[in-house]
């Protein structure tokens, strides 16, 4: 049960047979553990894959963007030709969490907002650096959801 779901999530994050095999190997070894331990381990594995994917793709992030500035950056990019390819429309959209993906000529940027850390922008390092310079923001090489800069 866990292995098939984990395999599907893994192949979506990283479509490599070798990586999928590693996850399946771990998932079979945790089936005998209590469910709480299994879920923590699965979450940890998926977080590590997300961080690895972020580094391999050469992404960067701008974190902690004030809401007004975050909204202005989205407006500026859409008015200059970037197209919205995704908008989060959940029950809590733009109350607790929001997400927009914008596609430019060559690249895609992911904008995420929550009421705790406010806005962040993730995408290819070159594009993120351009945005950071033009908006006087700091760039991070860490994934948005990496806990307090803690490396694992």
Foldseek 3Di string as FASTA:
>chain_A
DVLVVLLVLLCVLPVDPVLSVVSSVVLVVCPPPPPVVSVVVSVVSSVVSNFVSLVVQQKKKFWLDPQVVLVVVVVVVVVVPWDWPDWDDDPCDPPAKIWTWTDDPDWIKIWIAGPPRGIMIMIHPVVVVVVCVVSVTDMGSGDHPDPPPDDD
